[in-house]
Amino acid sequence: MSLYWTPNANAPLWDVAEEDETEGPFFSDLELEHIKQSGPTCVPTTLAMIARATGADVGPEDFMPLINSQSPHTWSKVLEQYGMQLAYCNQDVRRLEYYIDELIEHEDLFLLCFYSQDPPYEPDENGKLCTAHIVTLHKDIIIDTAKGDQYANGKARDYHRLTRQTKRIFRVVPKGYGRCV
């Protein structure tokens, strides 16, 4: 038996829902309010901003002891008490600009992680590969907790760092949703 198969060149960010799955959008109605991060705290600040949109009275410091900034599993676990979890999206190291239109089409809540500089292939002597950042995409708006100026909250297609390489993309889904980190 001879089987001819070629790998796919790409995939949609979010595969079509299975018969037993809800398609979404899941969190298009959330009211997110920008929080300015202090120091290298983009992950806990982003999580606090999302949790606050559910009515929680929390800040980044509430998440710091509960997460590992390099472990998305921990991010997803802390969101569960707010009725949310994270699901990986299909992606690779392409620049954010490659994905932005497809993300906007979903009109939902996503976390976009990207490299702040061109990533090297080997970590430094401390085990760190390079600096990365996370921003929130809500429908067609990017919220950047590192910024307090015109880049803090603006149209996704105008975001000034779309040329950065993607590290991870997550869709925020309801707790218990079949796809999760």
C-alpha atoms as a PDB file:
ATOM      1  CA  MET A   1       0.000   0.000   0.000  1.00  0.00           C
ATOM      2  CA  SER A   2       1.395   3.352  -0.985  1.00  0.00           C
ATOM      3  CA  LEU A   3       0.226   6.456   0.776  1.00  0.00           C
ATOM      4  CA  TYR A   4       1.027   9.865  -0.607  1.00  0.00           C
ATOM      5  CA  TRP A   5       0.589  12.602   1.959  1.00  0.00           C
ATOM      6  CA  THR A   6       1.985  16.105   2.246  1.00  0.00           C
ATOM      7  CA  PRO A   7       1.942  18.224   5.389  1.00  0.00           C
ATOM      8  CA  ASN A   8      -0.334  21.235   5.467  1.00  0.00           C
ATOM      9  CA  ALA A   9       1.307  24.624   4.976  1.00  0.00           C
ATOM     10  CA  ASN A  10      -0.916  26.289   7.568  1.00  0.00           C
ATOM     11  CA  ALA A  11      -4.105  25.980   9.589  1.00  0.00           C
ATOM     12  CA  PRO A  12      -6.858  28.307  10.741  1.00  0.00           C
ATOM     13  CA  LEU A  13      -6.192  29.880  14.122  1.00  0.00           C
ATOM     14  CA  TRP A  14      -9.352  28.324  15.507  1.00  0.00           C
ATOM     15  CA  ASP A  15     -10.587  25.069  14.000  1.00  0.00           C
ATOM     16  CA  VAL A  16     -14.275  24.860  13.175  1.00  0.00           C
ATOM     17  CA  ALA A  17     -16.294  23.763  16.180  1.00  0.00           C
ATOM     18  CA  GLU A  18     -17.120  20.100  16.607  1.00  0.00           C
ATOM     19  CA  GLU A  19     -20.814  19.138  16.733  1.00  0.00           C
ATOM     20  CA  ASP A  20     -20.868  19.211  20.545  1.00  0.00           C
ATOM     21  CA  GLU A  21     -18.998  22.535  20.855  1.00  0.00           C
ATOM     22  CA  THR A  22     -20.273  26.077  21.014  1.00  0.00           C
ATOM     23  CA  GLU A  23     -18.798  28.205  18.240  1.00  0.00           C
ATOM     24  CA  GLY A  24     -18.493  31.519  20.095  1.00  0.00           C
ATOM     25  CA  PRO A  25     -17.919  34.392  20.417  1.00  0.00           C
ATOM     26  CA  PHE A  26     -17.706  33.702  24.130  1.00  0.00           C
ATOM     27  CA  PHE A  27     -16.734  37.006  25.726  1.00  0.00           C
ATOM     28  CA  SER A  28     -17.558  39.728  23.213  1.00  0.00           C
ATOM     29  CA  ASP A  29     -19.748  41.553  25.764  1.00  0.00           C
ATOM     30  CA  LEU A  30     -17.060  42.018  28.441  1.00  0.00           C
ATOM     31  CA  GLU A  31     -16.167  45.570  29.414  1.00  0.00           C
ATOM     32  CA  LEU A  32     -12.380  45.597  29.762  1.00  0.00           C
ATOM     33  CA  GLU A  33     -10.665  48.538  31.436  1.00  0.00           C
ATOM     34  CA  HIS A  34      -6.964  49.089  30.858  1.00  0.00           C
ATOM     35  CA  ILE A  35      -4.610  48.613  33.817  1.00  0.00           C
ATOM     36  CA  LYS A  36      -1.102  50.035  33.494  1.00  0.00           C
ATOM     37  CA  GLN A  37       1.470  47.447  34.524  1.00  0.00           C
ATOM     38  CA  SER A  38       4.297  48.230  36.907  1.00  0.00           C
ATOM     39  CA  GLY A  39       7.570  46.581  35.920  1.00  0.00           C
ATOM     40  CA  PRO A  40       7.682  43.299  33.989  1.00  0.00           C
ATOM     41  CA  THR A  41       4.207  42.216  35.075  1.00  0.00           C
ATOM     42  CA  CYS A  42       2.308  41.929  31.797  1.00  0.00           C
ATOM     43  CA  VAL A  43       0.931  38.457  32.575  1.00  0.00           C
ATOM     44  CA  PRO A  44      -0.519  39.096  36.066  1.00  0.00           C
ATOM     45  CA  THR A  45      -1.720  42.560  35.003  1.00  0.00           C
ATOM     46  CA  THR A  46      -3.509  41.113  31.981  1.00  0.00           C
ATOM     47  CA  LEU A  47      -5.115  38.377  34.077  1.00  0.00           C
ATOM     48  CA  ALA A  48      -6.268  40.950  36.649  1.00  0.00           C
ATOM     49  CA  MET A  49      -7.763  43.119  33.908  1.00  0.00           C
ATOM     50  CA  ILE A  50      -9.751  40.163  32.565  1.00  0.00           C
ATOM     51  CA  ALA A  51     -10.894  39.075  36.036  1.00  0.00           C
ATOM     52  CA  ARG A  52     -12.023  42.633  36.846  1.00  0.00           C
ATOM     53  CA  ALA A  53     -14.255  42.558  33.770  1.00  0.00           C
ATOM     54  CA  THR A  54     -16.249  39.812  35.521  1.00  0.00           C
ATOM     55  CA  GLY A  55     -16.775  42.038  38.580  1.00  0.00           C
ATOM     56  CA  ALA A  56     -13.857  40.718  40.644  1.00  0.00           C
ATOM     57  CA  ASP A  57     -12.018  43.142  42.925  1.00  0.00           C
ATOM     58  CA  VAL A  58      -8.469  41.993  42.153  1.00  0.00           C
ATOM     59  CA  GLY A  59      -5.142  43.403  41.069  1.00  0.00           C
ATOM     60  CA  PRO A  60      -1.962  41.983  39.529  1.00  0.00           C
ATOM     61  CA  GLU A  61      -0.523  41.264  42.984  1.00  0.00           C
ATOM     62  CA  ASP A  62      -3.353  38.777  43.585  1.00  0.00           C
ATOM     63  CA  PHE A  63      -2.147  36.686  40.638  1.00  0.00           C
ATOM     64  CA  MET A  64       1.618  36.925  41.132  1.00  0.00           C
ATOM     65  CA  PRO A  65       1.952  34.152  43.736  1.00  0.00           C
ATOM     66  CA  LEU A  66      -0.420  31.884  41.803  1.00  0.00           C
ATOM     67  CA  ILE A  67       1.180  31.830  38.358  1.00  0.00           C
ATOM     68  CA  ASN A  68       4.423  31.116  36.581  1.00  0.00           C
ATOM     69  CA  SER A  69       4.896  33.747  33.882  1.00  0.00           C
ATOM     70  CA  GLN A  70       6.236  31.054  31.520  1.00  0.00           C
ATOM     71  CA  SER A  71       3.467  28.519  32.203  1.00  0.00           C
ATOM     72  CA  PRO A  72       0.170  29.255  30.437  1.00  0.00           C
ATOM     73  CA  HIS A  73      -1.372  26.301  32.259  1.00  0.00           C
ATOM     74  CA  THR A  74      -1.130  28.332  35.491  1.00  0.00           C
ATOM     75  CA  TRP A  75      -2.728  31.340  33.806  1.00  0.00           C
ATOM     76  CA  SER A  76      -5.651  29.222  32.671  1.00  0.00           C
ATOM     77  CA  LYS A  77      -6.082  27.670  36.117  1.00  0.00           C
ATOM     78  CA  VAL A  78      -6.367  31.069  37.861  1.00  0.00           C
ATOM     79  CA  LEU A  79      -8.981  32.220  35.356  1.00  0.00           C
ATOM     80  CA  GLU A  80     -11.225  29.269  36.208  1.00  0.00           C
ATOM     81  CA  GLN A  81     -12.611  30.954  39.343  1.00  0.00           C
ATOM     82  CA  TYR A  82     -13.864  33.732  37.032  1.00  0.00           C
ATOM     83  CA  GLY A  83     -15.618  31.276  34.707  1.00  0.00           C
ATOM     84  CA  MET A  84     -12.883  31.262  32.066  1.00  0.00           C
ATOM     85  CA  GLN A  85      -9.966  29.220  30.820  1.00  0.00           C
ATOM     86  CA  LEU A  86      -7.471  29.485  27.986  1.00  0.00           C
ATOM     87  CA  ALA A  87      -7.360  27.445  24.795  1.00  0.00           C
ATOM     88  CA  TYR A  88      -4.362  27.314  22.478  1.00  0.00           C
ATOM     89  CA  CYS A  89      -4.830  28.567  18.958  1.00  0.00           C
ATOM     90  CA  ASN A  90      -3.042  27.074  15.960  1.00  0.00           C
ATOM     91  CA  GLN A  91      -0.076  29.323  15.289  1.00  0.00           C
ATOM     92  CA  ASP A  92       3.643  29.428  14.681  1.00  0.00           C
ATOM     93  CA  VAL A  93       6.337  32.088  14.806  1.00  0.00           C
ATOM     94  CA  ARG A  94       4.829  34.222  12.011  1.00  0.00           C
ATOM     95  CA  ARG A  95       4.451  37.908  12.732  1.00  0.00           C
ATOM     96  CA  LEU A  96       1.271  39.059  14.495  1.00  0.00           C
ATOM     97  CA  GLU A  97       0.247  40.992  11.389  1.00  0.00           C
ATOM     98  CA  TYR A  98      -0.226  37.650   9.615  1.00  0.00           C
ATOM     99  CA  TYR A  99      -2.948  36.641  12.106  1.00  0.00           C
ATOM    100  CA  ILE A 100      -4.638  39.907  13.030  1.00  0.00           C
ATOM    101  CA  ASP A 101      -7.442  39.899  10.438  1.00  0.00           C
ATOM    102  CA  GLU A 102      -8.436  36.317  11.223  1.00  0.00           C
ATOM    103  CA  LEU A 103      -8.427  37.071  14.957  1.00  0.00           C
ATOM    104  CA  ILE A 104     -10.617  40.145  14.506  1.00  0.00           C
ATOM    105  CA  GLU A 105     -13.149  38.096  12.502  1.00  0.00           C
ATOM    106  CA  HIS A 106     -13.901  36.027  15.619  1.00  0.00           C
ATOM    107  CA  GLU A 107     -15.040  39.157  17.554  1.00  0.00           C
ATOM    108  CA  ASP A 108     -13.929  37.592  20.812  1.00  0.00           C
ATOM    109  CA  LEU A 109     -11.305  37.708  23.560  1.00  0.00           C
ATOM    110  CA  PHE A 110      -7.737  36.564  22.846  1.00  0.00           C
ATOM    111  CA  LEU A 111      -4.340  36.828  24.495  1.00  0.00           C
ATOM    112  CA  LEU A 112      -1.509  37.494  22.062  1.00  0.00           C
ATOM    113  CA  CYS A 113       2.045  36.735  23.152  1.00  0.00           C
ATOM    114  CA  PHE A 114       4.968  37.887  21.053  1.00  0.00           C
ATOM    115  CA  TYR A 115       8.740  38.210  21.193  1.00  0.00           C
ATOM    116  CA  SER A 116       9.957  41.700  22.004  1.00  0.00           C
ATOM    117  CA  GLN A 117      13.071  41.153  19.908  1.00  0.00           C
ATOM    118  CA  ASP A 118      14.146  38.582  17.334  1.00  0.00           C
ATOM    119  CA  PRO A 119      14.337  35.373  19.377  1.00  0.00           C
ATOM    120  CA  PRO A 120      17.722  33.644  19.602  1.00  0.00           C
ATOM    121  CA  TYR A 121      18.016  29.874  19.405  1.00  0.00           C
ATOM    122  CA  GLU A 122      19.672  29.352  22.779  1.00  0.00           C
ATOM    123  CA  PRO A 123      18.857  30.775  26.233  1.00  0.00           C
ATOM    124  CA  ASP A 124      21.279  33.054  28.063  1.00  0.00           C
ATOM    125  CA  GLU A 125      23.330  31.976  31.100  1.00  0.00           C
ATOM    126  CA  ASN A 126      20.244  32.500  33.307  1.00  0.00           C
ATOM    127  CA  GLY A 127      18.070  30.225  31.188  1.00  0.00           C
ATOM    128  CA  LYS A 128      16.061  33.057  29.613  1.00  0.00           C
ATOM    129  CA  LEU A 129      15.514  32.922  25.883  1.00  0.00           C
ATOM    130  CA  CYS A 130      14.454  36.525  25.362  1.00  0.00           C
ATOM    131  CA  THR A 131      11.903  39.060  26.470  1.00  0.00           C
ATOM    132  CA  ALA A 132       8.317  38.517  25.404  1.00  0.00           C
ATOM    133  CA  HIS A 133       5.104  40.452  25.955  1.00  0.00           C
ATOM    134  CA  ILE A 134       1.393  39.714  26.149  1.00  0.00           C
ATOM    135  CA  VAL A 135      -1.486  41.928  25.021  1.00  0.00           C
ATOM    136  CA  THR A 136      -5.238  41.446  24.995  1.00  0.00           C
ATOM    137  CA  LEU A 137      -7.288  41.488  21.817  1.00  0.00           C
ATOM    138  CA  HIS A 138     -10.969  42.143  22.449  1.00  0.00           C
ATOM    139  CA  LYS A 139     -12.912  42.105  19.207  1.00  0.00           C
ATOM    140  CA  ASP A 140     -10.909  44.651  17.170  1.00  0.00           C
ATOM    141  CA  ILE A 141      -9.134  46.454  20.034  1.00  0.00           C
ATOM    142  CA  ILE A 142      -5.701  45.666  21.448  1.00  0.00           C
ATOM    143  CA  ILE A 143      -5.126  46.548  25.082  1.00  0.00           C
ATOM    144  CA  ASP A 144      -1.443  46.793  26.038  1.00  0.00           C
ATOM    145  CA  THR A 145      -0.820  46.952  29.790  1.00  0.00           C
ATOM    146  CA  ALA A 146       2.752  48.175  29.234  1.00  0.00           C
ATOM    147  CA  LYS A 147       1.505  51.394  27.688  1.00  0.00           C
ATOM    148  CA  GLY A 148      -0.220  54.391  29.161  1.00  0.00           C
ATOM    149  CA  ASP A 149      -0.384  56.452  25.972  1.00  0.00           C
ATOM    150  CA  GLN A 150      -2.188  56.134  22.638  1.00  0.00           C
ATOM    151  CA  TYR A 151      -0.963  52.509  22.379  1.00  0.00           C
ATOM    152  CA  ALA A 152      -2.651  51.428  25.627  1.00  0.00           C
ATOM    153  CA  ASN A 153      -5.997  50.842  23.923  1.00  0.00           C
ATOM    154  CA  GLY A 154      -6.437  51.086  20.169  1.00  0.00           C
ATOM    155  CA  LYS A 155      -7.504  49.524  16.902  1.00  0.00           C
ATOM    156  CA  ALA A 156      -5.790  46.165  16.424  1.00  0.00           C
ATOM    157  CA  ARG A 157      -4.789  46.821  12.813  1.00  0.00           C
ATOM    158  CA  ASP A 158      -2.978  49.981  13.962  1.00  0.00           C
ATOM    159  CA  TYR A 159      -1.034  48.340  16.800  1.00  0.00           C
ATOM    160  CA  HIS A 160       2.591  49.385  16.514  1.00  0.00           C
ATOM    161  CA  ARG A 161       4.072  45.947  17.303  1.00  0.00           C
ATOM    162  CA  LEU A 162       2.293  43.771  14.729  1.00  0.00           C
ATOM    163  CA  THR A 163       5.643  43.048  13.066  1.00  0.00           C
ATOM    164  CA  ARG A 164       6.848  41.066  16.099  1.00  0.00           C
ATOM    165  CA  GLN A 165       7.045  37.274  15.922  1.00  0.00           C
ATOM    166  CA  THR A 166       4.285  35.315  17.625  1.00  0.00           C
ATOM    167  CA  LYS A 167       5.114  33.270  20.713  1.00  0.00           C
ATOM    168  CA  ARG A 168       1.617  32.070  21.664  1.00  0.00           C
ATOM    169  CA  ILE A 169      -2.033  32.874  20.948  1.00  0.00           C
ATOM    170  CA  PHE A 170      -4.854  31.877  23.286  1.00  0.00           C
ATOM    171  CA  ARG A 171      -8.592  32.220  23.007  1.00  0.00           C
ATOM    172  CA  VAL A 172     -10.384  32.860  26.280  1.00  0.00           C
ATOM    173  CA  VAL A 173     -13.146  30.272  26.508  1.00  0.00           C
ATOM    174  CA  PRO A 174     -15.746  29.414  29.170  1.00  0.00           C
ATOM    175  CA  LYS A 175     -14.611  27.204  32.053  1.00  0.00           C
ATOM    176  CA  GLY A 176     -15.237  23.592  31.141  1.00  0.00           C
ATOM    177  CA  TYR A 177     -15.010  24.181  27.397  1.00  0.00           C
ATOM    178  CA  GLY A 178     -13.575  21.107  25.659  1.00  0.00           C
ATOM    179  CA  ARG A 179     -10.502  22.839  24.282  1.00  0.00           C
ATOM    180  CA  CYS A 180      -8.177  24.142  26.956  1.00  0.00           C
ATOM    181  CA  VAL A 181      -4.538  24.567  27.904  1.00  0.00           C
END
